[in-house]
Protein backbone atom coordinates (compact mmCIF):
# COMPACT_ATOMS: atom_id res chain seq x y z
CA UNK A 1 -41.70 1.67 -22.89
CA UNK A 2 -38.96 4.15 -23.03
CA UNK A 3 -36.97 4.89 -26.32
CA UNK A 4 -33.83 2.70 -25.33
CA UNK A 5 -36.06 -0.39 -24.55
CA UNK A 6 -37.93 0.12 -27.74
CA UNK A 7 -34.60 0.16 -29.81
CA UNK A 8 -33.57 -2.87 -28.13
CA UNK A 9 -36.82 -4.65 -28.59
CA UNK A 10 -36.62 -3.74 -32.46
CA UNK A 11 -33.37 -5.04 -32.46
CA UNK A 12 -34.27 -8.40 -31.42
CA UNK A 13 -37.19 -8.61 -33.74
CA UNK A 14 -35.23 -7.27 -36.92
CA UNK A 15 -32.49 -9.88 -35.85
CA UNK A 16 -35.04 -13.07 -35.79
CA UNK A 17 -36.13 -11.74 -39.48
CA UNK A 18 -32.62 -11.07 -40.64
CA UNK A 19 -31.81 -14.84 -39.60
CA UNK A 20 -34.92 -16.19 -41.29
CA UNK A 21 -34.27 -14.34 -44.64
CA UNK A 22 -30.66 -15.98 -44.66
CA UNK A 23 -31.92 -19.37 -43.86
CA UNK A 24 -34.36 -18.98 -46.82
CA UNK A 25 -31.60 -17.79 -49.08
CA UNK A 26 -29.61 -20.90 -48.31
CA UNK A 27 -32.65 -23.26 -48.90
CA UNK A 28 -33.87 -21.57 -52.12
CA UNK A 29 -29.90 -21.77 -53.32
CA UNK A 30 -30.22 -25.35 -52.81
CA UNK A 31 -32.87 -25.68 -55.69
CA UNK A 32 -31.02 -23.59 -58.07
CA UNK A 33 -30.07 -19.96 -58.85
CA UNK A 34 -32.46 -17.82 -56.94
CA UNK A 35 -34.34 -14.74 -58.15
CA UNK A 36 -32.35 -11.27 -57.25
CA UNK A 37 -34.76 -10.18 -54.71
CA UNK A 38 -34.21 -13.30 -52.63
CA UNK A 39 -30.64 -12.91 -52.66
CA UNK A 40 -30.91 -9.17 -51.55
CA UNK A 41 -33.76 -9.53 -49.23
CA UNK A 42 -31.39 -9.70 -46.01
CA UNK A 43 -29.88 -6.55 -46.90
CA UNK A 44 -32.57 -4.45 -45.49
CA UNK A 45 -32.62 -6.18 -42.03
CA UNK A 46 -29.03 -6.11 -41.95
CA UNK A 47 -28.67 -2.39 -42.47
CA UNK A 48 -31.58 -1.76 -39.83
CA UNK A 49 -29.43 -4.07 -37.60
CA UNK A 50 -26.44 -2.11 -38.21
CA UNK A 51 -28.07 1.25 -37.11
CA UNK A 52 -29.75 -0.05 -34.19
CA UNK A 53 -26.73 -2.05 -32.98
CA UNK A 54 -24.35 0.99 -33.33
CA UNK A 55 -26.97 3.02 -31.18
CA UNK A 56 -26.83 0.49 -28.56
CA UNK A 57 -22.88 0.33 -28.60
CA UNK A 58 -22.66 4.16 -28.50
CA UNK A 59 -25.42 4.69 -25.94
CA UNK A 60 -23.42 3.66 -22.70
CA UNK A 61 -20.40 6.26 -23.80
CA UNK A 62 -22.96 8.93 -24.73
CA UNK A 63 -24.55 8.54 -21.05
CA UNK A 64 -21.15 8.65 -19.42
CA UNK A 65 -19.96 11.73 -21.48
CA UNK A 66 -23.17 13.66 -20.18
CA UNK A 67 -22.24 12.76 -16.62
CA UNK A 68 -25.03 10.12 -16.21
CA UNK A 69 -24.90 6.88 -13.97
CA UNK A 70 -25.82 3.36 -15.52
CA UNK A 71 -28.87 1.89 -13.97
CA UNK A 72 -27.56 -0.68 -11.05
CA UNK A 73 -24.41 0.81 -11.18
CA UNK A 74 -22.44 0.13 -7.94
CA UNK A 75 -20.25 2.60 -6.36
């Protein structure tokens, strides 16, 4: 598995974790005021998503700047 594929897979799994923590946050809030650790639990996956998402966003521009071609590009 290449580095780029690993980042994409990581991003997918962290997005699932983030979604589950947000859902859990809403469920716990329905019962009353949650503890702080529940309130702040989505932040770690959110920051991981930010960095992996930015990496994937910049990747095509970096490849183009180096003069490389995208896989499957038609000329």
